[in-house]
């Protein structure tokens, strides 16, 4: 993968990770949000973090 492609991909992953973090913070303030939804977002965020580190 070319350097610019790798950099763009990394930036996209970081942006998605940050968006998930914001969404999780927002949802955690609302008691009506299901645990399943929060768990799904947390798993997705962890997957992105692992992908960024590889």
C-alpha atoms as a PDB file:
ATOM      1  CA  UNK A   1       0.000   0.000   0.000  1.00  0.00           C
ATOM      2  CA  UNK A   2       1.385   3.414  -0.903  1.00  0.00           C
ATOM      3  CA  UNK A   3       2.341   5.756   1.916  1.00  0.00           C
ATOM      4  CA  UNK A   4      -0.397   8.276   1.101  1.00  0.00           C
ATOM      5  CA  UNK A   5      -3.005   5.509   0.994  1.00  0.00           C
ATOM      6  CA  UNK A   6      -1.826   4.175   4.353  1.00  0.00           C
ATOM      7  CA  UNK A   7      -1.908   7.658   5.841  1.00  0.00           C
ATOM      8  CA  UNK A   8      -5.396   8.337   4.478  1.00  0.00           C
ATOM      9  CA  UNK A   9      -6.631   5.003   5.794  1.00  0.00           C
ATOM     10  CA  UNK A  10      -5.127   5.712   9.218  1.00  0.00           C
ATOM     11  CA  UNK A  11      -6.775   9.130   9.296  1.00  0.00           C
ATOM     12  CA  UNK A  12     -10.117   7.604   8.323  1.00  0.00           C
ATOM     13  CA  UNK A  13      -9.817   4.998  11.079  1.00  0.00           C
ATOM     14  CA  UNK A  14      -8.922   7.677  13.622  1.00  0.00           C
ATOM     15  CA  UNK A  15     -11.862   9.821  12.553  1.00  0.00           C
ATOM     16  CA  UNK A  16     -14.261   6.881  12.840  1.00  0.00           C
ATOM     17  CA  UNK A  17     -12.803   5.964  16.243  1.00  0.00           C
ATOM     18  CA  UNK A  18     -13.269   9.554  17.482  1.00  0.00           C
ATOM     19  CA  UNK A  19     -16.829   9.619  16.155  1.00  0.00           C
ATOM     20  CA  UNK A  20     -17.632   6.396  18.001  1.00  0.00           C
ATOM     21  CA  UNK A  21     -16.128   7.807  21.201  1.00  0.00           C
ATOM     22  CA  UNK A  22     -18.320  10.906  20.902  1.00  0.00           C
ATOM     23  CA  UNK A  23     -21.391   8.803  20.205  1.00  0.00           C
ATOM     24  CA  UNK A  24     -20.678   6.555  23.188  1.00  0.00           C
ATOM     25  CA  UNK A  25     -20.301   9.553  25.485  1.00  0.00           C
ATOM     26  CA  UNK A  26     -23.527  11.027  24.180  1.00  0.00           C
ATOM     27  CA  UNK A  27     -25.485   7.788  24.546  1.00  0.00           C
ATOM     28  CA  UNK A  28     -24.117   7.016  28.000  1.00  0.00           C
ATOM     29  CA  UNK A  29     -25.908  10.107  29.300  1.00  0.00           C
ATOM     30  CA  UNK A  30     -29.279   8.677  28.235  1.00  0.00           C
ATOM     31  CA  UNK A  31     -30.655   5.897  30.423  1.00  0.00           C
ATOM     32  CA  UNK A  32     -33.011   4.710  27.687  1.00  0.00           C
ATOM     33  CA  UNK A  33     -30.149   3.421  25.515  1.00  0.00           C
ATOM     34  CA  UNK A  34     -29.871  -0.350  25.497  1.00  0.00           C
ATOM     35  CA  UNK A  35     -26.827  -2.131  26.833  1.00  0.00           C
ATOM     36  CA  UNK A  36     -26.682  -4.075  23.577  1.00  0.00           C
ATOM     37  CA  UNK A  37     -26.319  -0.881  21.548  1.00  0.00           C
ATOM     38  CA  UNK A  38     -23.574   0.438  23.809  1.00  0.00           C
ATOM     39  CA  UNK A  39     -21.784  -2.918  23.695  1.00  0.00           C
ATOM     40  CA  UNK A  40     -21.963  -2.969  19.898  1.00  0.00           C
ATOM     41  CA  UNK A  41     -20.417   0.503  19.663  1.00  0.00           C
ATOM     42  CA  UNK A  42     -17.692  -0.390  22.162  1.00  0.00           C
ATOM     43  CA  UNK A  43     -16.782  -3.530  20.221  1.00  0.00           C
ATOM     44  CA  UNK A  44     -16.627  -1.537  16.983  1.00  0.00           C
ATOM     45  CA  UNK A  45     -14.442   1.091  18.651  1.00  0.00           C
ATOM     46  CA  UNK A  46     -12.088  -1.606  19.953  1.00  0.00           C
ATOM     47  CA  UNK A  47     -11.910  -3.217  16.512  1.00  0.00           C
ATOM     48  CA  UNK A  48     -10.928   0.125  14.991  1.00  0.00           C
ATOM     49  CA  UNK A  49      -8.293   0.694  17.671  1.00  0.00           C
ATOM     50  CA  UNK A  50      -6.773  -2.722  16.997  1.00  0.00           C
ATOM     51  CA  UNK A  51      -6.786  -2.037  13.261  1.00  0.00           C
ATOM     52  CA  UNK A  52      -5.027   1.303  13.799  1.00  0.00           C
ATOM     53  CA  UNK A  53      -2.301  -0.410  15.810  1.00  0.00           C
ATOM     54  CA  UNK A  54      -1.605  -3.103  13.243  1.00  0.00           C
END
